């Protein structure tokens, strides 16, 4: 679980180094503490954590079928 502490119209993303809109977040497990992340990096983080949770719980995504010609 994540806590969003504040929104910033202009801040430097601690992960990507870009300036722009960002949020200050912390994670419940303590791995992230008041980090400033731009929306793009926050989105990547959420997707990564979701995939890790799915792996841990035994969820296997369906492989997309690709036909060869």
C-alpha atoms as a PDB file:
ATOM      1  CA  UNK A   1       0.000   0.000   0.000  1.00  0.00           C
ATOM      2  CA  UNK A   2       1.177   3.497  -0.792  1.00  0.00           C
ATOM      3  CA  UNK A   3       0.449   6.811   0.839  1.00  0.00           C
ATOM      4  CA  UNK A   4       0.427   9.961  -1.248  1.00  0.00           C
ATOM      5  CA  UNK A   5       1.505  12.801   1.017  1.00  0.00           C
ATOM      6  CA  UNK A   6       1.316  15.669  -1.418  1.00  0.00           C
ATOM      7  CA  UNK A   7       1.045  16.768  -5.024  1.00  0.00           C
ATOM      8  CA  UNK A   8       3.604  19.112  -6.573  1.00  0.00           C
ATOM      9  CA  UNK A   9       2.910  21.150  -9.718  1.00  0.00           C
ATOM     10  CA  UNK A  10       6.639  21.382 -10.307  1.00  0.00           C
ATOM     11  CA  UNK A  11       9.221  19.132  -8.689  1.00  0.00           C
ATOM     12  CA  UNK A  12      12.229  17.049  -9.686  1.00  0.00           C
ATOM     13  CA  UNK A  13      11.528  13.313  -9.924  1.00  0.00           C
ATOM     14  CA  UNK A  14      13.992  11.459  -7.698  1.00  0.00           C
ATOM     15  CA  UNK A  15      14.034   8.479 -10.052  1.00  0.00           C
ATOM     16  CA  UNK A  16      14.082   9.982 -13.547  1.00  0.00           C
ATOM     17  CA  UNK A  17      15.552  13.391 -12.770  1.00  0.00           C
ATOM     18  CA  UNK A  18      12.870  15.153 -14.836  1.00  0.00           C
ATOM     19  CA  UNK A  19      11.000  18.233 -13.655  1.00  0.00           C
ATOM     20  CA  UNK A  20       7.249  18.502 -13.791  1.00  0.00           C
ATOM     21  CA  UNK A  21       4.145  17.324 -11.982  1.00  0.00           C
ATOM     22  CA  UNK A  22       4.921  14.839  -9.230  1.00  0.00           C
ATOM     23  CA  UNK A  23       3.668  13.247  -6.041  1.00  0.00           C
ATOM     24  CA  UNK A  24       5.389  12.574  -2.747  1.00  0.00           C
ATOM     25  CA  UNK A  25       4.801   8.962  -1.697  1.00  0.00           C
ATOM     26  CA  UNK A  26       5.719   6.411   0.956  1.00  0.00           C
ATOM     27  CA  UNK A  27       5.152   2.658   1.016  1.00  0.00           C
ATOM     28  CA  UNK A  28       3.653   0.754   3.931  1.00  0.00           C
ATOM     29  CA  UNK A  29       6.579  -1.680   3.978  1.00  0.00           C
ATOM     30  CA  UNK A  30       9.053   1.179   4.465  1.00  0.00           C
ATOM     31  CA  UNK A  31      10.957   0.672   1.216  1.00  0.00           C
ATOM     32  CA  UNK A  32       9.904   4.122  -0.004  1.00  0.00           C
ATOM     33  CA  UNK A  33       9.813   7.091   2.375  1.00  0.00           C
ATOM     34  CA  UNK A  34       8.569  10.488   1.160  1.00  0.00           C
ATOM     35  CA  UNK A  35       9.990  10.037  -2.339  1.00  0.00           C
ATOM     36  CA  UNK A  36       9.132  12.546  -5.065  1.00  0.00           C
ATOM     37  CA  UNK A  37       8.053  10.682  -8.207  1.00  0.00           C
ATOM     38  CA  UNK A  38       6.737  11.966 -11.508  1.00  0.00           C
ATOM     39  CA  UNK A  39       3.532  10.355 -12.698  1.00  0.00           C
ATOM     40  CA  UNK A  40       5.291   8.266 -15.352  1.00  0.00           C
ATOM     41  CA  UNK A  41       7.634   6.690 -12.788  1.00  0.00           C
ATOM     42  CA  UNK A  42       4.792   6.174 -10.303  1.00  0.00           C
ATOM     43  CA  UNK A  43       2.888   4.305 -13.006  1.00  0.00           C
ATOM     44  CA  UNK A  44       5.910   2.074 -13.699  1.00  0.00           C
ATOM     45  CA  UNK A  45       6.305   1.380  -9.988  1.00  0.00           C
ATOM     46  CA  UNK A  46       2.653   0.392  -9.591  1.00  0.00           C
ATOM     47  CA  UNK A  47       2.786  -1.913 -12.609  1.00  0.00           C
ATOM     48  CA  UNK A  48       5.978  -3.556 -11.353  1.00  0.00           C
ATOM     49  CA  UNK A  49       4.586  -4.126  -7.863  1.00  0.00           C
ATOM     50  CA  UNK A  50       1.375  -5.560  -9.332  1.00  0.00           C
ATOM     51  CA  UNK A  51       3.314  -8.042 -11.473  1.00  0.00           C
ATOM     52  CA  UNK A  52       5.386  -9.069  -8.440  1.00  0.00           C
ATOM     53  CA  UNK A  53       2.217  -9.647  -6.396  1.00  0.00           C
ATOM     54  CA  UNK A  54       0.711 -11.724  -9.189  1.00  0.00           C
ATOM     55  CA  UNK A  55       3.853 -13.879  -9.431  1.00  0.00           C
ATOM     56  CA  UNK A  56       3.880 -14.383  -5.671  1.00  0.00           C
ATOM     57  CA  UNK A  57       0.232 -15.461  -5.707  1.00  0.00           C
ATOM     58  CA  UNK A  58       0.764 -17.895  -8.583  1.00  0.00           C
ATOM     59  CA  UNK A  59      -0.997 -15.888 -11.279  1.00  0.00           C
ATOM     60  CA  UNK A  60       0.307 -16.795 -14.716  1.00  0.00           C
ATOM     61  CA  UNK A  61      -0.746 -14.391 -17.485  1.00  0.00           C
ATOM     62  CA  UNK A  62      -1.930 -15.938 -20.728  1.00  0.00           C
ATOM     63  CA  UNK A  63       0.698 -15.918 -23.439  1.00  0.00           C
ATOM     64  CA  UNK A  64      -0.401 -14.095 -26.537  1.00  0.00           C
ATOM     65  CA  UNK A  65      -0.582 -16.303 -29.583  1.00  0.00           C
ATOM     66  CA  UNK A  66       1.579 -15.260 -32.481  1.00  0.00           C
ATOM     67  CA  UNK A  67       1.013 -16.924 -35.804  1.00  0.00           C
ATOM     68  CA  UNK A  68       3.977 -17.442 -38.067  1.00  0.00           C
ATOM     69  CA  UNK A  69       3.580 -16.972 -41.803  1.00  0.00           C
END
